N, C-alpha and C. Protein backbone atom coordinates (compact mmCIF):
# COMPACT_ATOMS: atom_id res chain seq x y z
N MET A 1 12.21 -39.75 58.71
CA MET A 1 12.35 -38.65 57.76
C MET A 1 13.40 -37.68 58.27
N THR A 2 14.27 -37.20 57.39
CA THR A 2 15.28 -36.23 57.74
C THR A 2 15.08 -34.97 56.92
N GLY A 3 15.93 -33.99 57.17
CA GLY A 3 15.82 -32.75 56.41
C GLY A 3 14.90 -31.76 57.08
N SER A 4 14.47 -30.76 56.33
CA SER A 4 13.60 -29.70 56.83
C SER A 4 12.26 -29.75 56.11
N THR A 5 11.18 -29.49 56.85
CA THR A 5 9.83 -29.61 56.31
C THR A 5 9.05 -28.32 56.49
N TRP A 6 8.22 -28.00 55.50
CA TRP A 6 7.35 -26.82 55.55
C TRP A 6 5.95 -27.27 55.18
N VAL A 7 4.98 -27.01 56.06
CA VAL A 7 3.58 -27.39 55.85
C VAL A 7 2.76 -26.14 55.56
N LEU A 8 2.05 -26.13 54.43
CA LEU A 8 1.26 -24.97 54.01
C LEU A 8 -0.17 -25.38 53.69
N TRP A 9 -1.05 -24.38 53.65
CA TRP A 9 -2.47 -24.60 53.36
C TRP A 9 -2.88 -23.75 52.16
N TRP A 10 -3.32 -24.39 51.08
CA TRP A 10 -3.87 -23.71 49.91
C TRP A 10 -5.37 -23.58 50.17
N ARG A 11 -5.77 -22.41 50.62
CA ARG A 11 -7.13 -22.24 51.14
C ARG A 11 -8.21 -22.30 50.07
N ASP A 12 -7.96 -21.72 48.89
CA ASP A 12 -9.00 -21.67 47.85
C ASP A 12 -8.79 -22.72 46.77
N ALA A 13 -8.12 -23.81 47.10
CA ALA A 13 -7.94 -24.90 46.14
C ALA A 13 -9.29 -25.49 45.75
N GLN A 14 -9.35 -26.09 44.55
CA GLN A 14 -10.61 -26.60 44.00
C GLN A 14 -10.59 -28.12 43.89
N GLY A 15 -10.26 -28.78 44.96
CA GLY A 15 -10.38 -30.22 45.01
C GLY A 15 -9.53 -30.96 44.00
N THR A 16 -10.16 -31.88 43.28
CA THR A 16 -9.45 -32.74 42.33
C THR A 16 -8.75 -31.95 41.24
N ALA A 17 -9.35 -30.84 40.81
CA ALA A 17 -8.75 -30.02 39.76
C ALA A 17 -7.41 -29.44 40.22
N SER A 18 -7.36 -28.93 41.43
CA SER A 18 -6.12 -28.35 41.96
C SER A 18 -5.08 -29.44 42.22
N LEU A 19 -5.54 -30.58 42.71
CA LEU A 19 -4.61 -31.68 42.95
C LEU A 19 -4.00 -32.15 41.63
N GLY A 20 -4.82 -32.20 40.58
CA GLY A 20 -4.32 -32.59 39.26
C GLY A 20 -3.35 -31.57 38.68
N LEU A 21 -3.62 -30.28 38.92
CA LEU A 21 -2.72 -29.23 38.44
C LEU A 21 -1.34 -29.37 39.07
N LEU A 22 -1.30 -29.60 40.38
CA LEU A 22 -0.02 -29.78 41.06
C LEU A 22 0.71 -31.01 40.54
N GLN A 23 -0.03 -32.08 40.30
CA GLN A 23 0.60 -33.31 39.80
C GLN A 23 1.24 -33.06 38.43
N GLU A 24 0.54 -32.36 37.56
CA GLU A 24 1.09 -32.10 36.24
C GLU A 24 2.35 -31.26 36.31
N ARG A 25 2.34 -30.24 37.16
CA ARG A 25 3.51 -29.36 37.26
C ARG A 25 4.68 -30.07 37.95
N LEU A 26 4.40 -30.97 38.87
CA LEU A 26 5.47 -31.71 39.52
C LEU A 26 6.08 -32.75 38.58
N LEU A 27 5.23 -33.48 37.87
CA LEU A 27 5.74 -34.55 37.01
C LEU A 27 6.38 -34.01 35.74
N ARG A 28 5.75 -33.01 35.12
CA ARG A 28 6.26 -32.51 33.85
C ARG A 28 7.25 -31.35 34.04
N GLY A 29 6.89 -30.42 34.92
CA GLY A 29 7.73 -29.26 35.10
C GLY A 29 9.00 -29.53 35.90
N LEU A 30 8.84 -30.25 37.02
CA LEU A 30 9.98 -30.51 37.89
C LEU A 30 10.53 -31.92 37.71
N ARG A 31 9.92 -32.69 36.81
CA ARG A 31 10.36 -34.07 36.53
C ARG A 31 10.47 -34.92 37.80
N ALA A 32 9.48 -34.75 38.66
CA ALA A 32 9.43 -35.56 39.88
C ALA A 32 8.92 -36.96 39.57
N GLN A 33 9.16 -37.86 40.49
CA GLN A 33 8.64 -39.22 40.39
C GLN A 33 7.49 -39.39 41.38
N LEU A 34 6.41 -40.00 40.91
CA LEU A 34 5.27 -40.26 41.77
C LEU A 34 5.59 -41.45 42.67
N ARG A 35 5.61 -41.22 43.98
CA ARG A 35 5.95 -42.28 44.92
C ARG A 35 4.73 -43.11 45.34
N GLY A 36 3.56 -42.53 45.19
CA GLY A 36 2.35 -43.26 45.57
C GLY A 36 1.39 -42.37 46.33
N ARG A 37 0.36 -43.00 46.87
CA ARG A 37 -0.66 -42.26 47.62
C ARG A 37 -0.11 -41.87 48.99
N TRP A 38 -0.68 -40.80 49.51
CA TRP A 38 -0.27 -40.29 50.81
C TRP A 38 -1.50 -39.85 51.59
N SER A 39 -1.51 -40.13 52.88
CA SER A 39 -2.62 -39.70 53.72
C SER A 39 -2.12 -39.39 55.12
N MET A 40 -2.88 -38.59 55.82
CA MET A 40 -2.54 -38.23 57.19
C MET A 40 -3.79 -37.85 57.95
N ASP A 41 -3.83 -38.18 59.23
CA ASP A 41 -4.98 -37.86 60.07
C ASP A 41 -4.54 -37.06 61.28
N THR A 42 -5.34 -36.06 61.64
CA THR A 42 -5.15 -35.33 62.89
C THR A 42 -6.47 -35.35 63.63
N LYS A 43 -6.45 -35.87 64.84
CA LYS A 43 -7.68 -36.01 65.63
C LYS A 43 -7.60 -35.13 66.87
N LEU A 44 -8.69 -34.43 67.14
CA LEU A 44 -8.79 -33.56 68.31
C LEU A 44 -9.58 -34.27 69.41
N PHE A 45 -8.98 -34.32 70.59
CA PHE A 45 -9.65 -34.84 71.78
C PHE A 45 -9.78 -33.72 72.81
N HIS A 46 -10.84 -33.77 73.59
CA HIS A 46 -11.05 -32.76 74.62
C HIS A 46 -11.26 -33.44 75.96
N SER A 47 -10.76 -32.78 77.03
CA SER A 47 -10.88 -33.33 78.37
C SER A 47 -11.54 -32.32 79.30
N PRO A 48 -12.32 -32.78 80.30
CA PRO A 48 -12.85 -31.86 81.30
C PRO A 48 -11.77 -31.39 82.26
N TYR A 49 -10.60 -32.00 82.18
CA TYR A 49 -9.50 -31.66 83.06
C TYR A 49 -8.46 -30.83 82.34
N SER A 50 -7.83 -29.92 83.05
CA SER A 50 -6.70 -29.19 82.49
C SER A 50 -5.47 -30.09 82.50
N PHE A 51 -4.42 -29.67 81.81
CA PHE A 51 -3.20 -30.46 81.77
C PHE A 51 -2.61 -30.65 83.17
N VAL A 52 -2.68 -29.62 84.01
CA VAL A 52 -2.17 -29.74 85.38
C VAL A 52 -2.97 -30.78 86.15
N ASP A 53 -4.29 -30.77 85.98
CA ASP A 53 -5.13 -31.77 86.64
C ASP A 53 -4.75 -33.18 86.21
N LEU A 54 -4.54 -33.38 84.91
CA LEU A 54 -4.23 -34.70 84.38
C LEU A 54 -2.90 -35.22 84.90
N GLN A 55 -1.96 -34.34 85.16
CA GLN A 55 -0.68 -34.77 85.68
C GLN A 55 -0.81 -35.38 87.07
N ASN A 56 -1.82 -34.93 87.82
CA ASN A 56 -1.99 -35.40 89.20
C ASN A 56 -3.15 -36.37 89.37
N LEU A 57 -3.78 -36.74 88.26
CA LEU A 57 -4.99 -37.54 88.33
C LEU A 57 -4.69 -39.02 88.19
N LYS A 58 -5.23 -39.86 89.06
CA LYS A 58 -5.15 -41.31 88.92
C LYS A 58 -6.27 -41.79 88.01
N VAL A 59 -5.93 -42.65 87.06
CA VAL A 59 -6.93 -43.13 86.12
C VAL A 59 -8.10 -43.77 86.83
N SER A 60 -7.85 -44.49 87.92
CA SER A 60 -8.91 -45.18 88.64
C SER A 60 -9.90 -44.21 89.26
N ASP A 61 -9.48 -42.94 89.44
CA ASP A 61 -10.36 -41.95 90.05
C ASP A 61 -11.10 -41.10 89.02
N ALA A 62 -10.84 -41.38 87.74
CA ALA A 62 -11.34 -40.48 86.70
C ALA A 62 -12.85 -40.38 86.66
N SER A 63 -13.55 -41.47 87.03
CA SER A 63 -15.01 -41.47 86.92
C SER A 63 -15.67 -40.77 88.10
N THR A 64 -14.91 -40.50 89.18
CA THR A 64 -15.53 -39.93 90.37
C THR A 64 -14.98 -38.56 90.74
N LYS A 65 -13.71 -38.33 90.41
CA LYS A 65 -13.09 -37.07 90.81
C LYS A 65 -13.50 -35.93 89.90
N GLN A 66 -13.81 -34.78 90.49
CA GLN A 66 -14.13 -33.59 89.73
C GLN A 66 -12.86 -32.76 89.57
N PRO A 67 -12.68 -32.10 88.43
CA PRO A 67 -11.47 -31.31 88.23
C PRO A 67 -11.38 -30.18 89.25
N ALA A 68 -10.19 -29.98 89.78
CA ALA A 68 -10.00 -28.94 90.78
C ALA A 68 -10.12 -27.55 90.18
N ALA A 69 -9.64 -27.39 88.94
CA ALA A 69 -9.72 -26.09 88.28
C ALA A 69 -9.78 -26.30 86.79
N ARG A 70 -10.62 -25.54 86.14
CA ARG A 70 -10.74 -25.67 84.70
C ARG A 70 -9.62 -24.91 84.01
N GLY A 71 -9.03 -25.51 83.01
CA GLY A 71 -8.01 -24.81 82.23
C GLY A 71 -8.67 -24.11 81.05
N THR A 72 -7.86 -23.51 80.21
CA THR A 72 -8.40 -22.92 79.00
C THR A 72 -8.79 -24.02 78.04
N ALA A 73 -9.52 -23.66 76.98
CA ALA A 73 -9.96 -24.67 76.02
C ALA A 73 -8.77 -25.39 75.41
N SER A 74 -7.74 -24.63 75.03
CA SER A 74 -6.58 -25.26 74.41
C SER A 74 -5.81 -26.11 75.41
N ASP A 75 -5.82 -25.72 76.69
CA ASP A 75 -5.11 -26.47 77.70
C ASP A 75 -5.80 -27.79 77.99
N GLN A 76 -7.05 -27.93 77.59
CA GLN A 76 -7.81 -29.15 77.79
C GLN A 76 -7.95 -29.95 76.50
N SER A 77 -7.18 -29.58 75.51
CA SER A 77 -7.26 -30.25 74.22
C SER A 77 -5.99 -31.06 73.95
N MET A 78 -6.16 -32.13 73.19
CA MET A 78 -5.03 -32.96 72.78
C MET A 78 -5.23 -33.33 71.32
N TYR A 79 -4.15 -33.27 70.55
CA TYR A 79 -4.19 -33.58 69.13
C TYR A 79 -3.34 -34.81 68.85
N MET A 80 -3.90 -35.74 68.12
CA MET A 80 -3.16 -36.92 67.71
C MET A 80 -2.89 -36.83 66.21
N VAL A 81 -1.63 -36.85 65.84
CA VAL A 81 -1.22 -36.76 64.43
C VAL A 81 -0.68 -38.12 64.00
N VAL A 82 -1.31 -38.72 62.98
CA VAL A 82 -0.92 -40.04 62.49
C VAL A 82 -0.42 -39.90 61.06
N ARG A 83 0.84 -40.28 60.84
CA ARG A 83 1.47 -40.15 59.53
C ARG A 83 1.93 -41.53 59.05
N GLY A 84 1.79 -41.77 57.74
CA GLY A 84 2.31 -42.99 57.15
C GLY A 84 1.38 -44.18 57.29
N GLN A 85 1.78 -45.29 56.67
CA GLN A 85 0.98 -46.50 56.65
C GLN A 85 1.83 -47.69 57.05
N GLY A 86 1.18 -48.74 57.57
CA GLY A 86 1.87 -50.00 57.86
C GLY A 86 3.04 -49.82 58.81
N THR A 87 4.18 -50.40 58.44
CA THR A 87 5.36 -50.35 59.30
C THR A 87 5.95 -48.94 59.37
N ALA A 88 5.59 -48.09 58.41
CA ALA A 88 6.10 -46.72 58.40
C ALA A 88 5.21 -45.77 59.18
N LYS A 89 4.16 -46.27 59.82
CA LYS A 89 3.22 -45.43 60.54
C LYS A 89 3.88 -44.79 61.76
N ARG A 90 3.70 -43.49 61.90
CA ARG A 90 4.22 -42.76 63.04
C ARG A 90 3.07 -42.00 63.69
N GLN A 91 3.10 -41.94 65.00
CA GLN A 91 1.99 -41.34 65.75
C GLN A 91 2.53 -40.37 66.79
N PHE A 92 1.92 -39.17 66.85
CA PHE A 92 2.38 -38.13 67.76
C PHE A 92 1.20 -37.54 68.51
N PHE A 93 1.46 -37.10 69.73
CA PHE A 93 0.46 -36.39 70.51
C PHE A 93 0.98 -35.00 70.85
N VAL A 94 0.12 -33.99 70.65
CA VAL A 94 0.45 -32.61 70.99
C VAL A 94 -0.61 -32.13 71.98
N MET A 95 -0.18 -31.65 73.15
CA MET A 95 -1.14 -31.28 74.17
C MET A 95 -0.60 -30.14 75.02
N ALA A 96 -1.38 -29.77 76.04
CA ALA A 96 -1.01 -28.74 77.01
C ALA A 96 -0.76 -27.40 76.32
N SER A 97 -1.80 -26.90 75.63
CA SER A 97 -1.69 -25.63 74.91
C SER A 97 -0.52 -25.65 73.94
N ASN A 98 -0.34 -26.81 73.29
CA ASN A 98 0.73 -26.99 72.30
C ASN A 98 2.13 -26.85 72.91
N ARG A 99 2.28 -27.22 74.18
CA ARG A 99 3.58 -27.12 74.82
C ARG A 99 4.30 -28.46 74.90
N VAL A 100 3.60 -29.55 74.61
CA VAL A 100 4.17 -30.89 74.75
C VAL A 100 3.96 -31.65 73.45
N VAL A 101 5.04 -32.23 72.90
CA VAL A 101 4.96 -33.05 71.69
C VAL A 101 5.70 -34.36 71.96
N ILE A 102 5.00 -35.49 71.87
CA ILE A 102 5.62 -36.78 72.11
C ILE A 102 5.27 -37.75 70.98
N GLU A 103 6.19 -38.67 70.70
CA GLU A 103 5.92 -39.73 69.75
C GLU A 103 5.56 -40.98 70.54
N THR A 104 4.52 -41.69 70.11
CA THR A 104 4.04 -42.85 70.85
C THR A 104 3.92 -44.07 69.94
N GLU A 105 3.71 -45.21 70.55
CA GLU A 105 3.44 -46.44 69.81
C GLU A 105 2.02 -46.41 69.27
N PRO A 106 1.75 -47.17 68.17
CA PRO A 106 0.40 -47.16 67.59
C PRO A 106 -0.70 -47.57 68.56
N GLU A 107 -0.37 -48.38 69.57
CA GLU A 107 -1.38 -48.84 70.51
C GLU A 107 -1.94 -47.71 71.37
N MET A 108 -1.24 -46.58 71.40
CA MET A 108 -1.66 -45.49 72.28
C MET A 108 -3.03 -44.96 71.90
N GLU A 109 -3.38 -44.99 70.62
CA GLU A 109 -4.68 -44.48 70.20
C GLU A 109 -5.82 -45.28 70.85
N SER A 110 -5.71 -46.60 70.84
CA SER A 110 -6.77 -47.42 71.43
C SER A 110 -6.86 -47.19 72.94
N ILE A 111 -5.73 -46.90 73.58
CA ILE A 111 -5.75 -46.62 75.02
C ILE A 111 -6.50 -45.32 75.28
N VAL A 112 -6.22 -44.29 74.48
CA VAL A 112 -6.89 -43.00 74.66
C VAL A 112 -8.39 -43.15 74.42
N VAL A 113 -8.77 -43.91 73.40
CA VAL A 113 -10.19 -44.10 73.09
C VAL A 113 -10.92 -44.77 74.26
N ARG A 114 -10.24 -45.68 74.95
CA ARG A 114 -10.87 -46.36 76.09
C ARG A 114 -11.02 -45.45 77.31
N LEU A 115 -10.21 -44.41 77.39
CA LEU A 115 -10.29 -43.49 78.54
C LEU A 115 -11.35 -42.43 78.28
N LYS A 116 -12.60 -42.87 78.14
CA LYS A 116 -13.68 -41.97 77.74
C LYS A 116 -13.95 -40.89 78.77
N ASN A 117 -13.65 -41.17 80.05
CA ASN A 117 -13.88 -40.16 81.08
C ASN A 117 -12.82 -39.07 81.08
N LEU A 118 -11.71 -39.34 80.40
CA LEU A 118 -10.62 -38.37 80.34
C LEU A 118 -10.57 -37.64 79.01
N TRP A 119 -10.78 -38.39 77.90
CA TRP A 119 -10.62 -37.79 76.57
C TRP A 119 -11.82 -38.13 75.69
N THR A 120 -12.45 -37.09 75.15
CA THR A 120 -13.60 -37.25 74.25
C THR A 120 -13.21 -36.81 72.85
N PRO A 121 -13.37 -37.67 71.82
CA PRO A 121 -13.04 -37.25 70.45
C PRO A 121 -13.99 -36.16 69.99
N ARG A 122 -13.44 -35.10 69.39
CA ARG A 122 -14.25 -33.97 68.96
C ARG A 122 -14.30 -33.81 67.44
N GLN A 123 -13.15 -33.86 66.78
CA GLN A 123 -13.11 -33.55 65.35
C GLN A 123 -11.90 -34.24 64.73
N THR A 124 -12.01 -34.53 63.43
CA THR A 124 -10.91 -35.18 62.71
C THR A 124 -10.64 -34.45 61.41
N ALA A 125 -9.37 -34.20 61.13
CA ALA A 125 -8.93 -33.66 59.84
C ALA A 125 -8.19 -34.76 59.10
N ARG A 126 -8.58 -35.02 57.86
CA ARG A 126 -7.93 -36.07 57.07
C ARG A 126 -7.42 -35.47 55.75
N ILE A 127 -6.19 -35.84 55.43
CA ILE A 127 -5.57 -35.40 54.18
C ILE A 127 -5.33 -36.63 53.31
N GLU A 128 -5.75 -36.56 52.05
CA GLU A 128 -5.54 -37.66 51.11
C GLU A 128 -5.03 -37.10 49.79
N GLY A 129 -3.92 -37.67 49.32
CA GLY A 129 -3.35 -37.20 48.07
C GLY A 129 -2.19 -38.06 47.63
N TYR A 130 -1.09 -37.40 47.20
CA TYR A 130 0.03 -38.13 46.61
C TYR A 130 1.36 -37.57 47.10
N SER A 131 2.39 -38.41 46.96
CA SER A 131 3.74 -38.04 47.34
C SER A 131 4.64 -38.10 46.11
N TYR A 132 5.48 -37.08 45.96
CA TYR A 132 6.37 -36.97 44.80
C TYR A 132 7.81 -36.77 45.28
N GLU A 133 8.75 -37.27 44.51
CA GLU A 133 10.15 -37.19 44.91
C GLU A 133 11.01 -36.60 43.79
N GLY A 134 11.86 -35.63 44.15
CA GLY A 134 12.84 -35.07 43.24
C GLY A 134 14.24 -35.49 43.65
N ASP A 135 15.23 -34.80 43.14
CA ASP A 135 16.61 -35.17 43.44
C ASP A 135 16.94 -35.06 44.93
N ASP A 136 16.49 -33.98 45.55
CA ASP A 136 16.80 -33.78 46.97
C ASP A 136 15.60 -33.26 47.75
N TRP A 137 14.41 -33.55 47.29
CA TRP A 137 13.22 -33.11 47.98
C TRP A 137 12.06 -34.09 47.80
N ILE A 138 11.11 -34.01 48.70
CA ILE A 138 9.85 -34.75 48.63
C ILE A 138 8.72 -33.75 48.83
N ILE A 139 7.73 -33.77 47.95
CA ILE A 139 6.56 -32.91 48.11
C ILE A 139 5.32 -33.79 48.21
N ARG A 140 4.52 -33.54 49.24
CA ARG A 140 3.27 -34.27 49.44
C ARG A 140 2.13 -33.29 49.29
N THR A 141 1.11 -33.67 48.55
CA THR A 141 -0.06 -32.81 48.35
C THR A 141 -1.31 -33.63 48.62
N GLY A 142 -2.31 -33.01 49.23
CA GLY A 142 -3.52 -33.75 49.51
C GLY A 142 -4.70 -32.85 49.83
N ASN A 143 -5.90 -33.30 49.47
CA ASN A 143 -7.11 -32.58 49.82
C ASN A 143 -7.38 -32.71 51.31
N LEU A 144 -7.82 -31.62 51.91
CA LEU A 144 -8.07 -31.57 53.35
C LEU A 144 -9.57 -31.62 53.62
N MET A 145 -9.97 -32.61 54.41
CA MET A 145 -11.36 -32.72 54.86
C MET A 145 -11.38 -32.60 56.37
N VAL A 146 -12.20 -31.70 56.88
CA VAL A 146 -12.43 -31.59 58.33
C VAL A 146 -13.85 -32.05 58.58
N GLY A 147 -13.98 -33.21 59.20
CA GLY A 147 -15.29 -33.84 59.27
C GLY A 147 -15.72 -34.21 57.86
N THR A 148 -16.85 -33.68 57.41
CA THR A 148 -17.33 -33.94 56.05
C THR A 148 -17.17 -32.72 55.14
N SER A 149 -16.46 -31.69 55.62
CA SER A 149 -16.33 -30.44 54.86
C SER A 149 -14.96 -30.35 54.19
N TYR A 150 -14.98 -29.99 52.90
CA TYR A 150 -13.73 -29.77 52.17
C TYR A 150 -13.15 -28.42 52.57
N LYS A 151 -11.84 -28.41 52.91
CA LYS A 151 -11.20 -27.19 53.42
C LYS A 151 -9.96 -26.79 52.64
N GLY A 152 -9.86 -27.17 51.40
CA GLY A 152 -8.71 -26.76 50.61
C GLY A 152 -7.69 -27.88 50.48
N LEU A 153 -6.43 -27.50 50.33
CA LEU A 153 -5.40 -28.47 50.00
C LEU A 153 -4.15 -28.20 50.84
N ILE A 154 -3.53 -29.26 51.30
CA ILE A 154 -2.30 -29.17 52.10
C ILE A 154 -1.10 -29.52 51.22
N ILE A 155 -0.04 -28.73 51.35
CA ILE A 155 1.22 -29.00 50.67
C ILE A 155 2.31 -29.14 51.73
N GLU A 156 3.03 -30.24 51.68
CA GLU A 156 4.14 -30.48 52.60
C GLU A 156 5.42 -30.62 51.78
N ILE A 157 6.36 -29.70 51.99
CA ILE A 157 7.64 -29.72 51.27
C ILE A 157 8.74 -30.19 52.21
N ASN A 158 9.44 -31.23 51.83
CA ASN A 158 10.52 -31.78 52.64
C ASN A 158 11.83 -31.67 51.85
N TYR A 159 12.72 -30.76 52.30
CA TYR A 159 14.03 -30.60 51.66
C TYR A 159 15.03 -31.44 52.43
N LEU A 160 15.59 -32.46 51.79
CA LEU A 160 16.33 -33.51 52.48
C LEU A 160 17.75 -33.14 52.94
N PRO A 161 18.53 -32.34 52.19
CA PRO A 161 19.94 -32.17 52.57
C PRO A 161 20.18 -31.39 53.86
N CYS A 162 19.21 -30.60 54.33
CA CYS A 162 19.45 -29.72 55.47
C CYS A 162 18.26 -29.75 56.42
N SER A 163 18.54 -29.78 57.73
CA SER A 163 17.47 -29.85 58.73
C SER A 163 17.20 -28.51 59.41
N ASN A 164 17.89 -27.44 58.98
CA ASN A 164 17.67 -26.12 59.57
C ASN A 164 16.59 -25.40 58.76
N PRO A 165 15.44 -25.12 59.37
CA PRO A 165 14.34 -24.53 58.59
C PRO A 165 14.64 -23.14 58.05
N GLU A 166 15.42 -22.35 58.76
CA GLU A 166 15.72 -21.00 58.29
C GLU A 166 16.62 -21.02 57.07
N GLN A 167 17.53 -21.98 57.00
CA GLN A 167 18.46 -22.07 55.87
C GLN A 167 17.81 -22.66 54.62
N THR A 168 16.67 -23.33 54.77
CA THR A 168 16.05 -24.00 53.63
C THR A 168 14.77 -23.32 53.15
N ARG A 169 14.25 -22.35 53.89
CA ARG A 169 12.96 -21.76 53.54
C ARG A 169 12.98 -21.12 52.15
N GLY A 170 14.08 -20.44 51.79
CA GLY A 170 14.16 -19.82 50.47
C GLY A 170 14.08 -20.83 49.34
N LEU A 171 14.77 -21.96 49.48
CA LEU A 171 14.74 -23.00 48.46
C LEU A 171 13.34 -23.61 48.34
N MET A 172 12.72 -23.85 49.48
CA MET A 172 11.38 -24.43 49.45
C MET A 172 10.37 -23.45 48.87
N ARG A 173 10.57 -22.16 49.12
CA ARG A 173 9.66 -21.15 48.55
C ARG A 173 9.77 -21.13 47.02
N GLU A 174 10.98 -21.32 46.51
CA GLU A 174 11.17 -21.39 45.05
C GLU A 174 10.44 -22.59 44.46
N LEU A 175 10.52 -23.73 45.13
CA LEU A 175 9.79 -24.91 44.67
C LEU A 175 8.29 -24.63 44.66
N LEU A 176 7.82 -23.99 45.70
CA LEU A 176 6.39 -23.70 45.80
C LEU A 176 5.92 -22.80 44.66
N MET A 177 6.69 -21.79 44.33
CA MET A 177 6.31 -20.86 43.27
C MET A 177 6.27 -21.54 41.90
N MET A 178 7.03 -22.63 41.75
CA MET A 178 7.05 -23.34 40.47
C MET A 178 5.80 -24.18 40.24
N ILE A 179 5.09 -24.53 41.30
CA ILE A 179 3.95 -25.44 41.15
C ILE A 179 2.60 -24.78 41.42
N LEU A 180 2.60 -23.63 42.08
CA LEU A 180 1.33 -22.99 42.43
C LEU A 180 0.91 -21.94 41.42
N PRO A 181 -0.40 -21.77 41.20
CA PRO A 181 -0.88 -20.63 40.41
C PRO A 181 -0.52 -19.33 41.13
N PRO A 182 -0.24 -18.25 40.39
CA PRO A 182 0.19 -17.00 41.04
C PRO A 182 -0.87 -16.38 41.94
N ASP A 183 -2.14 -16.69 41.71
CA ASP A 183 -3.21 -16.09 42.51
C ASP A 183 -3.71 -17.01 43.61
N ALA A 184 -3.01 -18.09 43.88
CA ALA A 184 -3.44 -19.03 44.93
C ALA A 184 -3.36 -18.36 46.29
N GLN A 185 -4.39 -18.56 47.11
CA GLN A 185 -4.43 -18.01 48.47
C GLN A 185 -3.78 -19.03 49.41
N ILE A 186 -2.60 -18.67 49.90
CA ILE A 186 -1.80 -19.59 50.70
C ILE A 186 -1.67 -19.10 52.14
N ASP A 187 -1.85 -20.00 53.07
CA ASP A 187 -1.49 -19.74 54.47
C ASP A 187 -0.12 -20.36 54.68
N PRO A 188 0.94 -19.53 54.83
CA PRO A 188 2.30 -20.08 54.90
C PRO A 188 2.66 -20.70 56.25
N ASN A 189 1.78 -20.62 57.23
CA ASN A 189 2.03 -21.27 58.53
C ASN A 189 3.33 -20.76 59.14
N ASN A 190 3.48 -19.44 59.17
CA ASN A 190 4.73 -18.84 59.63
C ASN A 190 4.79 -18.56 61.13
N THR A 191 3.73 -18.90 61.86
CA THR A 191 3.69 -18.54 63.29
C THR A 191 4.16 -19.65 64.20
N VAL A 192 4.83 -20.66 63.66
CA VAL A 192 5.24 -21.80 64.48
C VAL A 192 6.35 -21.39 65.44
N ASP A 193 6.13 -21.63 66.72
CA ASP A 193 7.13 -21.34 67.75
C ASP A 193 7.59 -22.67 68.35
N TYR A 194 8.68 -23.22 67.81
CA TYR A 194 9.17 -24.52 68.25
C TYR A 194 9.64 -24.50 69.71
N GLN A 195 10.19 -23.39 70.13
CA GLN A 195 10.71 -23.32 71.50
C GLN A 195 9.60 -23.45 72.53
N ARG A 196 8.38 -23.05 72.17
CA ARG A 196 7.25 -23.19 73.07
C ARG A 196 7.05 -24.65 73.46
N ALA A 197 7.34 -25.56 72.52
CA ALA A 197 7.19 -26.99 72.76
C ALA A 197 8.52 -27.67 73.08
N SER A 198 9.52 -26.87 73.46
CA SER A 198 10.86 -27.38 73.80
C SER A 198 11.48 -28.15 72.63
N LEU A 199 11.24 -27.67 71.41
CA LEU A 199 11.83 -28.26 70.22
C LEU A 199 12.93 -27.34 69.69
N ASP A 200 14.02 -27.92 69.24
CA ASP A 200 15.15 -27.17 68.72
C ASP A 200 14.73 -26.43 67.44
N PRO A 201 14.77 -25.10 67.40
CA PRO A 201 14.34 -24.37 66.20
C PRO A 201 15.31 -24.46 65.04
N GLU A 202 16.48 -25.02 65.26
CA GLU A 202 17.50 -25.07 64.20
C GLU A 202 17.73 -26.48 63.67
N ARG A 203 17.03 -27.46 64.18
CA ARG A 203 17.22 -28.83 63.70
C ARG A 203 15.89 -29.56 63.75
N MET A 204 15.29 -29.76 62.59
CA MET A 204 13.97 -30.35 62.52
C MET A 204 13.98 -31.86 62.64
N THR A 205 12.90 -32.39 63.23
CA THR A 205 12.66 -33.82 63.34
C THR A 205 11.21 -34.08 62.95
N ASP A 206 10.78 -35.33 63.01
CA ASP A 206 9.37 -35.65 62.72
C ASP A 206 8.43 -34.99 63.72
N ARG A 207 8.89 -34.78 64.94
CA ARG A 207 8.06 -34.10 65.93
C ARG A 207 7.78 -32.66 65.51
N HIS A 208 8.76 -32.01 64.91
CA HIS A 208 8.56 -30.65 64.40
C HIS A 208 7.46 -30.63 63.34
N THR A 209 7.46 -31.63 62.44
CA THR A 209 6.46 -31.67 61.38
C THR A 209 5.06 -31.85 61.96
N ALA A 210 4.91 -32.76 62.92
CA ALA A 210 3.62 -32.95 63.57
C ALA A 210 3.16 -31.66 64.25
N TYR A 211 4.10 -30.97 64.85
CA TYR A 211 3.78 -29.72 65.53
C TYR A 211 3.33 -28.65 64.53
N GLN A 212 3.93 -28.63 63.34
CA GLN A 212 3.50 -27.69 62.31
C GLN A 212 2.04 -27.90 61.93
N TYR A 213 1.65 -29.16 61.78
CA TYR A 213 0.25 -29.45 61.41
C TYR A 213 -0.71 -28.95 62.48
N VAL A 214 -0.40 -29.23 63.74
CA VAL A 214 -1.29 -28.79 64.81
C VAL A 214 -1.33 -27.27 64.88
N ASN A 215 -0.20 -26.61 64.70
CA ASN A 215 -0.17 -25.15 64.70
C ASN A 215 -1.04 -24.59 63.57
N LEU A 216 -0.92 -25.18 62.38
CA LEU A 216 -1.73 -24.71 61.25
C LEU A 216 -3.22 -24.89 61.53
N PHE A 217 -3.61 -26.05 62.02
CA PHE A 217 -5.03 -26.32 62.24
C PHE A 217 -5.61 -25.46 63.37
N THR A 218 -4.83 -25.19 64.41
CA THR A 218 -5.35 -24.39 65.51
C THR A 218 -5.37 -22.90 65.17
N GLN A 219 -4.28 -22.39 64.58
CA GLN A 219 -4.21 -20.96 64.26
C GLN A 219 -5.20 -20.59 63.17
N SER A 220 -5.54 -21.52 62.29
CA SER A 220 -6.49 -21.25 61.21
C SER A 220 -7.91 -21.64 61.59
N SER A 221 -8.10 -22.06 62.85
CA SER A 221 -9.42 -22.47 63.37
C SER A 221 -10.04 -23.59 62.55
N LEU A 222 -9.19 -24.48 62.03
CA LEU A 222 -9.70 -25.64 61.30
C LEU A 222 -10.09 -26.76 62.26
N LEU A 223 -9.38 -26.85 63.39
CA LEU A 223 -9.71 -27.83 64.43
C LEU A 223 -9.78 -27.11 65.77
């Protein structure tokens, strides 16, 4: 995926009704094309070890060694973001108080699951909805479930011609205003600090998008 992406949370969305409203406004109002179904998963894992401990820890010692020092809760958390299906599936890990973002092979999930002494699964956020395409943009919308609880609706706007988020935010905001009800309660996810994770703030990549999701879920206390 290229271009610039903005991930938002429609907090007071009403499930299928809100998803249908967005679809109607995208297809009829913006003359978008329905590309198909879209889904995404974000999984939270927790470790008894801090990130510093894990850097120095041998896997073979994991069952016997006690952590030298406890880190903060966020420093002991890891988020796995899985986007796409089949050959288009992409997988990212965000850890160390959101300071590290890496893309991994799909097999990495099964490896983490087997390391039960290091990483314990805590919570999962799943988004299910649809993807729409316009002349120079892609909008993805989906209902957000955290565990078994409905938590509103996620909107992901991808403006393709430009990868600088500051230069494209105004255009994406205009698209958003065309499809949302005026009284919708939106979390614009404006607190993303890409430099904290050593990501270029002026040129977005898929790692930036994964980082946006983790920032939204952590800052909004969804995960």
